[in-house]
Amino acid sequence: MTNLNWFAVFAAAASGFLVGGLWYGPLFGKAWMAASGMTEEKMKASNPAKTYGLTFLLSLIAAFSLAMFVGGGDLSFGMFAGFMTGLTFVAVALGITYLFEQRSLKLWLINSGYQIVFFTVMGTILGVWH
């Protein structure tokens, strides 16, 4: 734990905001809003400080956990570990939940796609800055 590059962990966690801003903005924002039932009114009624603050905290936990796994790996291992974590842990877990909640395949693809890309980016950052 003392060998962790904490700057890399924080950078990996923060990368979610860049990926998410693109993913849920220009790339898939309208499709996500339609598939999730999100409206502009709901977004305006939310507490952004709470949402973004807790999102960063949870992303930090994810980045820390991934950093413990990636360890002294390199770029390719970090990227692969992040991709596989996003695909086989996060996307699969979301898929199981979405099946029982009877959510749409479209919403699962959008949200799982984000998680796979986010974890791949985190793993890449952690692999480069181990």
Protein backbone atom coordinates (compact mmCIF):
# COMPACT_ATOMS: atom_id res chain seq x y z
CA MET A 1 0.00 0.00 0.00
CA THR A 2 2.90 2.36 0.64
CA ASN A 3 4.14 1.67 -2.89
CA LEU A 4 1.00 3.06 -4.47
CA ASN A 5 1.33 6.15 -6.59
CA TRP A 6 -1.41 8.22 -4.98
CA PHE A 7 -1.24 10.83 -7.73
CA ALA A 8 -2.06 8.07 -10.23
CA VAL A 9 -4.95 6.85 -8.05
CA PHE A 10 -6.45 10.36 -7.87
CA ALA A 11 -5.87 10.93 -11.60
CA ALA A 12 -7.50 7.59 -12.41
CA ALA A 13 -10.52 8.46 -10.25
CA ALA A 14 -10.81 11.91 -11.83
CA SER A 15 -10.66 10.40 -15.32
CA GLY A 16 -14.24 9.27 -14.83
CA PHE A 17 -15.40 12.86 -15.07
CA LEU A 18 -13.72 13.29 -18.46
CA VAL A 19 -14.98 9.96 -19.77
CA GLY A 20 -18.44 10.51 -18.27
CA GLY A 21 -18.68 14.04 -19.60
CA LEU A 22 -18.10 12.77 -23.11
CA TRP A 23 -20.08 9.54 -22.75
CA TYR A 24 -23.20 11.01 -21.15
CA GLY A 25 -22.86 14.27 -23.06
CA PRO A 26 -22.22 14.44 -26.80
CA LEU A 27 -21.74 10.70 -27.39
CA PHE A 28 -24.78 9.08 -25.74
CA GLY A 29 -26.46 11.81 -23.66
CA LYS A 30 -29.78 11.92 -25.50
CA ALA A 31 -30.01 8.14 -25.83
CA TRP A 32 -29.17 7.72 -22.12
CA MET A 33 -31.79 10.27 -21.05
CA ALA A 34 -34.45 8.54 -23.15
CA ALA A 35 -33.49 5.02 -22.00
CA SER A 36 -33.19 5.94 -18.31
CA GLY A 37 -36.21 8.22 -18.09
CA MET A 38 -34.02 11.13 -17.01
CA THR A 39 -35.35 14.60 -17.77
CA GLU A 40 -33.85 18.07 -17.69
CA GLU A 41 -36.18 18.86 -14.77
CA LYS A 42 -34.88 15.91 -12.73
CA MET A 43 -31.31 16.93 -13.45
CA LYS A 44 -31.95 20.52 -12.40
CA ALA A 45 -33.66 19.37 -9.19
CA SER A 46 -30.68 17.27 -8.12
CA ASN A 47 -27.90 18.33 -5.76
CA PRO A 48 -24.80 18.50 -8.00
CA ALA A 49 -22.36 18.91 -5.09
CA LYS A 50 -23.65 15.71 -3.52
CA THR A 51 -23.78 13.83 -6.83
CA TYR A 52 -20.31 14.81 -8.02
CA GLY A 53 -18.74 14.60 -4.57
CA LEU A 54 -20.00 11.08 -3.93
CA THR A 55 -19.20 10.08 -7.51
CA PHE A 56 -15.58 11.12 -6.96
CA LEU A 57 -15.42 9.28 -3.63
CA LEU A 58 -16.76 6.07 -5.20
CA SER A 59 -14.43 6.49 -8.19
CA LEU A 60 -11.54 6.91 -5.75
CA ILE A 61 -12.46 3.63 -4.05
CA ALA A 62 -12.61 1.90 -7.45
CA ALA A 63 -9.26 3.42 -8.52
CA PHE A 64 -7.62 2.40 -5.25
CA SER A 65 -8.91 -1.17 -5.58
CA LEU A 66 -7.78 -1.40 -9.19
CA ALA A 67 -4.37 0.03 -8.23
CA MET A 68 -3.97 -2.70 -5.61
CA PHE A 69 -4.63 -5.27 -8.34
CA VAL A 70 -2.51 -3.66 -11.08
CA GLY A 71 0.39 -3.21 -8.66
CA GLY A 72 3.69 -2.90 -10.47
CA GLY A 73 2.22 -3.74 -13.86
CA ASP A 74 2.89 -1.82 -17.03
CA LEU A 75 0.73 0.01 -19.56
CA SER A 76 -0.55 -3.09 -21.34
CA PHE A 77 -1.32 -4.98 -18.13
CA GLY A 78 -3.06 -1.94 -16.61
CA MET A 79 -5.16 -1.44 -19.72
CA PHE A 80 -6.06 -5.14 -19.91
CA ALA A 81 -6.82 -5.37 -16.18
CA GLY A 82 -9.04 -2.29 -16.37
CA PHE A 83 -10.86 -3.56 -19.44
CA MET A 84 -11.46 -7.00 -17.96
CA THR A 85 -12.61 -5.51 -14.64
CA GLY A 86 -15.09 -3.27 -16.44
CA LEU A 87 -16.33 -6.08 -18.65
CA THR A 88 -16.38 -9.10 -16.36
CA PHE A 89 -17.16 -7.55 -12.99
CA VAL A 90 -19.03 -4.30 -13.56
CA ALA A 91 -20.89 -4.92 -16.83
CA VAL A 92 -21.85 -8.45 -15.81
CA ALA A 93 -23.09 -7.28 -12.39
CA LEU A 94 -25.08 -4.49 -14.03
CA GLY A 95 -26.50 -7.01 -16.49
CA ILE A 96 -27.79 -9.25 -13.70
CA THR A 97 -29.36 -6.28 -11.91
CA TYR A 98 -30.87 -4.91 -15.12
CA LEU A 99 -32.44 -8.29 -15.92
CA PHE A 100 -34.25 -8.41 -12.58
CA GLU A 101 -35.22 -4.73 -12.78
CA GLN A 102 -36.40 -5.29 -16.37
CA ARG A 103 -34.36 -2.39 -17.67
CA SER A 104 -33.69 -2.11 -21.37
CA LEU A 105 -30.78 -3.62 -23.25
CA LYS A 106 -30.08 -0.14 -24.64
CA LEU A 107 -29.61 1.32 -21.14
CA TRP A 108 -27.40 -1.59 -20.14
CA LEU A 109 -25.23 -1.12 -23.23
CA ILE A 110 -24.85 2.61 -22.57
CA ASN A 111 -24.07 2.28 -18.85
CA SER A 112 -21.91 -0.84 -19.18
CA GLY A 113 -20.03 0.70 -22.09
CA TYR A 114 -19.20 3.70 -19.91
CA GLN A 115 -17.95 1.48 -17.09
CA ILE A 116 -15.80 -0.61 -19.44
CA VAL A 117 -14.21 2.51 -20.95
CA PHE A 118 -13.82 4.17 -17.52
CA PHE A 119 -12.11 1.12 -16.00
CA THR A 120 -9.91 0.74 -19.08
CA VAL A 121 -8.80 4.38 -18.78
CA MET A 122 -8.21 3.97 -15.03
CA GLY A 123 -6.17 0.82 -15.61
CA THR A 124 -4.15 2.55 -18.31
CA ILE A 125 -3.34 5.48 -16.02
CA LEU A 126 -2.42 3.16 -13.17
CA GLY A 127 -0.30 0.97 -15.45
CA VAL A 128 1.63 3.95 -16.81
CA TRP A 129 2.18 5.55 -13.39
CA HIS A 130 2.75 2.49 -11.26
